[in-house]
Amino acid sequence: MVEAVKQQCAQCGQVLLPGRRFCIACQAPVPGSSPAPSGPLAEIAREIPSTHRPDATLVFSPERREARLKRERKRKRLLIASSISFVLIIAAAISLNAINQRKLRLAQQQKREMMARNELDLYAKALELFHADFGRYPSAKEGLGALNHRPPLLINWRGPYIDKDYSVDPWGNDYVYNVFNQEKGYELSTYGPEGESAKRPFVRVNVGTPPPNPPPTPEPLAR
């Protein structure tokens, strides 16, 4: 009877037990102890795509890392550029809106000033018609209303001398009518957008020169 040839470990020389895949002494794998799987299940396992995918976590690739860092830097640059563009667009929109609002206010102011000048011209013509009939301008008591409605004491009134009442200026304030030199001269004005706080006429028409304001009377000294 021939004894079976005993196989030894290639690393430590220990006799390998039959059917074992590792040496019991040094745990070295036994060559040829794990034959390649065969059969239907092995064929199915070979056809599964996931079993053939390389594990990127086990192998460090400088090229992949550089490509990933490059993509991240590109995304950051795009994000910064988008943020800057958004801020610039908002700033440009605010500036454009401010410019448009300023132009609108200026256009409205010019339109109101033109309306005031036209209304003052209408009043100047009406006052001249009134002066032609009575040899004077309306008194301070009669005011500009004498151009639209007959005062009680004016029997020969031939008005109205103006088509309608323009006594309120385009800024919502009353026109200021002053008469002097025994109704031989007048001054009609508006203070404009600032109102009476301006303390000087914005637009005016006048006939003659008003007398200067008298100096204030000094108060007597206390004894």
Protein backbone atom coordinates (compact mmCIF):
# COMPACT_ATOMS: atom_id res chain seq x y z
CA MET A 1 0.00 0.00 0.00
CA VAL A 2 1.48 3.33 -1.10
CA GLU A 3 1.20 6.23 1.37
CA ALA A 4 -0.13 9.56 0.10
CA VAL A 5 2.50 12.19 -0.51
CA LYS A 6 2.22 14.84 2.18
CA GLN A 7 2.31 18.49 1.06
CA GLN A 8 4.39 21.01 3.00
CA CYS A 9 3.94 24.78 3.49
CA ALA A 10 6.15 26.78 1.17
CA GLN A 11 6.87 29.36 3.92
CA CYS A 12 7.35 27.48 7.16
CA GLY A 13 7.77 23.87 5.93
CA GLN A 14 4.94 22.60 8.16
CA VAL A 15 3.01 19.62 6.83
CA LEU A 16 -0.31 20.84 5.42
CA LEU A 17 -3.46 19.04 6.42
CA PRO A 18 -5.58 17.79 3.57
CA GLY A 19 -8.51 20.00 2.55
CA ARG A 20 -7.20 23.06 4.40
CA ARG A 21 -6.79 26.40 2.62
CA PHE A 22 -4.36 27.91 5.16
CA CYS A 23 -1.32 26.60 7.01
CA ILE A 24 -2.15 26.03 10.68
CA ALA A 25 1.31 27.25 11.67
CA CYS A 26 1.85 30.48 9.71
CA GLN A 27 -1.65 31.04 8.23
CA ALA A 28 -0.16 31.23 4.74
CA PRO A 29 -2.64 30.38 1.94
CA VAL A 30 -2.24 26.96 0.38
CA PRO A 31 -1.73 27.19 -3.41
CA GLY A 32 -4.53 25.53 -5.39
CA SER A 33 -6.73 25.03 -2.33
CA SER A 34 -9.48 27.40 -3.65
CA PRO A 35 -10.35 26.40 -7.16
CA ALA A 36 -12.17 28.87 -9.34
CA PRO A 37 -15.95 28.67 -8.84
CA SER A 38 -17.85 26.95 -11.54
CA GLY A 39 -21.40 26.12 -12.33
CA PRO A 40 -24.56 28.15 -13.06
CA LEU A 41 -24.23 30.38 -9.98
CA ALA A 42 -20.68 31.31 -10.89
CA GLU A 43 -21.78 32.23 -14.42
CA ILE A 44 -24.57 34.43 -13.06
CA ALA A 45 -22.15 36.15 -10.67
CA ARG A 46 -19.80 36.93 -13.53
CA GLU A 47 -22.64 38.64 -15.45
CA ILE A 48 -23.56 41.03 -12.58
CA PRO A 49 -22.05 44.46 -13.49
CA SER A 50 -21.54 45.52 -9.90
CA THR A 51 -19.05 42.76 -9.30
CA HIS A 52 -16.76 44.15 -11.99
CA ARG A 53 -16.74 47.79 -10.79
CA PRO A 54 -13.42 49.04 -9.44
CA ASP A 55 -13.56 50.36 -5.88
CA ALA A 56 -12.33 53.95 -6.10
CA THR A 57 -11.86 54.13 -2.34
CA LEU A 58 -9.16 51.44 -2.35
CA VAL A 59 -6.90 53.07 -4.94
CA PHE A 60 -5.65 56.68 -4.66
CA SER A 61 -5.65 58.41 -8.05
CA PRO A 62 -3.91 61.83 -8.26
CA GLU A 63 -5.58 62.48 -11.62
CA ARG A 64 -9.06 61.96 -10.19
CA ARG A 65 -8.30 64.08 -7.14
CA GLU A 66 -6.96 66.92 -9.30
CA ALA A 67 -10.02 66.72 -11.57
CA ARG A 68 -12.32 66.83 -8.54
CA LEU A 69 -10.48 69.83 -7.08
CA LYS A 70 -10.62 71.53 -10.46
CA ARG A 71 -14.39 71.04 -10.64
CA GLU A 72 -14.79 72.42 -7.11
CA ARG A 73 -12.69 75.50 -7.94
CA LYS A 74 -14.74 76.04 -11.09
CA ARG A 75 -18.01 75.83 -9.16
CA LYS A 76 -16.71 78.33 -6.59
CA ARG A 77 -15.65 80.77 -9.32
CA LEU A 78 -19.04 80.46 -10.98
CA LEU A 79 -20.80 81.05 -7.66
CA ILE A 80 -18.68 84.15 -6.91
CA ALA A 81 -19.19 85.51 -10.43
CA SER A 82 -22.94 84.94 -10.19
CA SER A 83 -23.10 86.72 -6.82
CA ILE A 84 -21.14 89.70 -8.11
CA SER A 85 -23.32 89.90 -11.23
CA PHE A 86 -26.47 89.77 -9.09
CA VAL A 87 -25.21 92.61 -6.86
CA LEU A 88 -24.24 94.71 -9.88
CA ILE A 89 -27.64 94.17 -11.49
CA ILE A 90 -29.44 95.20 -8.29
CA ALA A 91 -27.23 98.30 -7.92
CA ALA A 92 -27.80 99.26 -11.56
CA ALA A 93 -31.57 98.82 -11.17
CA ILE A 94 -31.61 101.02 -8.04
CA SER A 95 -29.52 103.71 -9.76
CA LEU A 96 -31.71 103.62 -12.87
CA ASN A 97 -34.86 103.89 -10.75
CA ALA A 98 -33.40 106.88 -8.86
CA ILE A 99 -32.50 108.60 -12.15
CA ASN A 100 -35.98 107.99 -13.54
CA GLN A 101 -37.61 109.31 -10.37
CA ARG A 102 -35.44 112.42 -10.51
CA LYS A 103 -36.32 113.00 -14.17
CA LEU A 104 -40.00 112.54 -13.35
CA ARG A 105 -39.86 115.07 -10.50
CA LEU A 106 -37.99 117.54 -12.69
CA ALA A 107 -40.53 117.12 -15.51
CA GLN A 108 -43.41 117.64 -13.09
CA GLN A 109 -41.77 120.74 -11.66
CA GLN A 110 -41.21 122.19 -15.13
CA LYS A 111 -44.79 121.40 -16.11
CA ARG A 112 -46.16 123.13 -12.99
CA GLU A 113 -43.93 126.15 -13.54
CA MET A 114 -45.18 126.44 -17.11
CA MET A 115 -48.79 126.18 -15.90
CA ALA A 116 -48.16 128.93 -13.34
CA ARG A 117 -46.69 131.23 -15.99
CA ASN A 118 -49.64 130.61 -18.32
CA GLU A 119 -52.16 131.31 -15.57
CA LEU A 120 -50.37 134.48 -14.54
CA ASP A 121 -50.42 135.64 -18.17
CA LEU A 122 -54.18 135.02 -18.29
CA TYR A 123 -54.62 137.05 -15.11
CA ALA A 124 -52.45 139.86 -16.48
CA LYS A 125 -54.64 140.13 -19.60
CA ALA A 126 -57.82 140.00 -17.50
CA LEU A 127 -56.53 142.71 -15.17
CA GLU A 128 -55.79 144.95 -18.14
CA LEU A 129 -59.37 144.48 -19.41
CA PHE A 130 -60.68 145.37 -15.95
CA HIS A 131 -58.41 148.45 -15.90
CA ALA A 132 -59.70 149.53 -19.31
CA ASP A 133 -63.29 149.56 -18.00
CA PHE A 134 -62.72 151.20 -14.62
CA GLY A 135 -59.40 153.02 -14.87
CA ARG A 136 -58.01 150.99 -11.99
CA TYR A 137 -57.21 147.45 -10.94
CA PRO A 138 -59.32 145.47 -8.45
CA SER A 139 -58.85 146.65 -4.90
CA ALA A 140 -57.37 144.47 -2.19
CA LYS A 141 -60.89 143.89 -0.84
CA GLU A 142 -62.26 142.93 -4.26
CA GLY A 143 -59.31 140.74 -5.07
CA LEU A 144 -59.03 138.48 -8.11
CA GLY A 145 -62.67 137.46 -7.64
CA ALA A 146 -63.72 140.73 -9.26
CA LEU A 147 -62.55 139.28 -12.57
CA ASN A 148 -65.13 136.45 -12.41
CA HIS A 149 -68.01 137.93 -10.42
CA ARG A 150 -69.35 141.49 -10.31
CA PRO A 151 -68.63 143.29 -7.07
CA PRO A 152 -71.76 144.95 -5.56
CA LEU A 153 -70.50 148.52 -6.14
CA LEU A 154 -69.42 148.09 -9.77
CA ILE A 155 -72.52 148.76 -11.86
CA ASN A 156 -70.76 148.92 -15.23
CA TRP A 157 -69.00 145.57 -14.76
CA ARG A 158 -68.61 143.85 -18.16
CA GLY A 159 -67.10 140.59 -17.05
CA PRO A 160 -66.23 137.93 -16.66
CA TYR A 161 -62.78 139.03 -17.75
CA ILE A 162 -61.29 135.53 -17.44
CA ASP A 163 -62.78 132.20 -18.47
CA LYS A 164 -62.53 130.53 -15.03
CA ASP A 165 -61.05 130.83 -11.57
CA TYR A 166 -57.27 130.23 -11.51
CA SER A 167 -56.73 131.64 -8.03
CA VAL A 168 -54.98 128.44 -6.80
CA ASP A 169 -51.52 127.82 -8.25
CA PRO A 170 -50.33 124.39 -9.52
CA TRP A 171 -48.78 123.68 -6.08
CA GLY A 172 -52.11 124.09 -4.27
CA ASN A 173 -51.47 127.55 -2.83
CA ASP A 174 -53.34 130.80 -3.51
CA TYR A 175 -51.82 133.34 -5.83
CA VAL A 176 -50.70 136.44 -3.93
CA TYR A 177 -52.34 139.64 -5.21
CA ASN A 178 -51.12 143.00 -3.96
CA VAL A 179 -52.40 146.38 -5.19
CA PHE A 180 -50.79 149.77 -4.56
CA ASN A 181 -50.71 153.42 -5.70
CA GLN A 182 -54.50 153.74 -5.33
CA GLU A 183 -55.19 150.68 -7.53
CA LYS A 184 -52.89 152.03 -10.27
CA GLY A 185 -50.38 149.21 -9.89
CA TYR A 186 -50.41 145.58 -8.79
CA GLU A 187 -48.21 142.55 -8.25
CA LEU A 188 -49.45 138.99 -8.72
CA SER A 189 -47.11 136.15 -7.75
CA THR A 190 -46.73 132.59 -6.53
CA TYR A 191 -44.21 131.24 -4.04
CA GLY A 192 -43.81 128.04 -6.06
CA PRO A 193 -43.22 124.55 -4.62
CA GLU A 194 -41.87 125.84 -1.28
CA GLY A 195 -44.97 127.89 -0.50
CA GLU A 196 -44.82 130.88 1.82
CA SER A 197 -41.70 129.46 3.47
CA ALA A 198 -39.76 130.62 0.39
CA LYS A 199 -40.44 134.26 1.45
CA ARG A 200 -39.89 135.49 -2.10
CA PRO A 201 -41.90 135.16 -5.34
CA PHE A 202 -41.14 132.18 -7.54
CA VAL A 203 -42.98 133.58 -10.59
CA ARG A 204 -44.74 136.94 -10.76
CA VAL A 205 -46.28 139.58 -13.01
CA ASN A 206 -46.63 143.22 -12.02
CA VAL A 207 -47.49 146.71 -13.19
CA GLY A 208 -45.65 149.55 -11.50
CA THR A 209 -43.31 149.34 -8.57
CA PRO A 210 -44.68 148.68 -5.08
CA PRO A 211 -43.65 151.18 -2.39
CA PRO A 212 -40.86 150.06 -0.09
CA ASN A 213 -41.85 148.58 3.21
CA PRO A 214 -41.69 151.18 6.01
CA PRO A 215 -39.00 150.58 8.62
CA PRO A 216 -40.29 149.10 11.88
CA THR A 217 -41.16 151.60 14.61
CA PRO A 218 -38.63 151.36 17.47
CA GLU A 219 -40.08 150.47 20.84
CA PRO A 220 -39.76 153.10 23.58
CA LEU A 221 -37.08 152.51 26.16
CA ALA A 222 -38.28 151.48 29.56
CA ARG A 223 -37.66 154.05 32.23
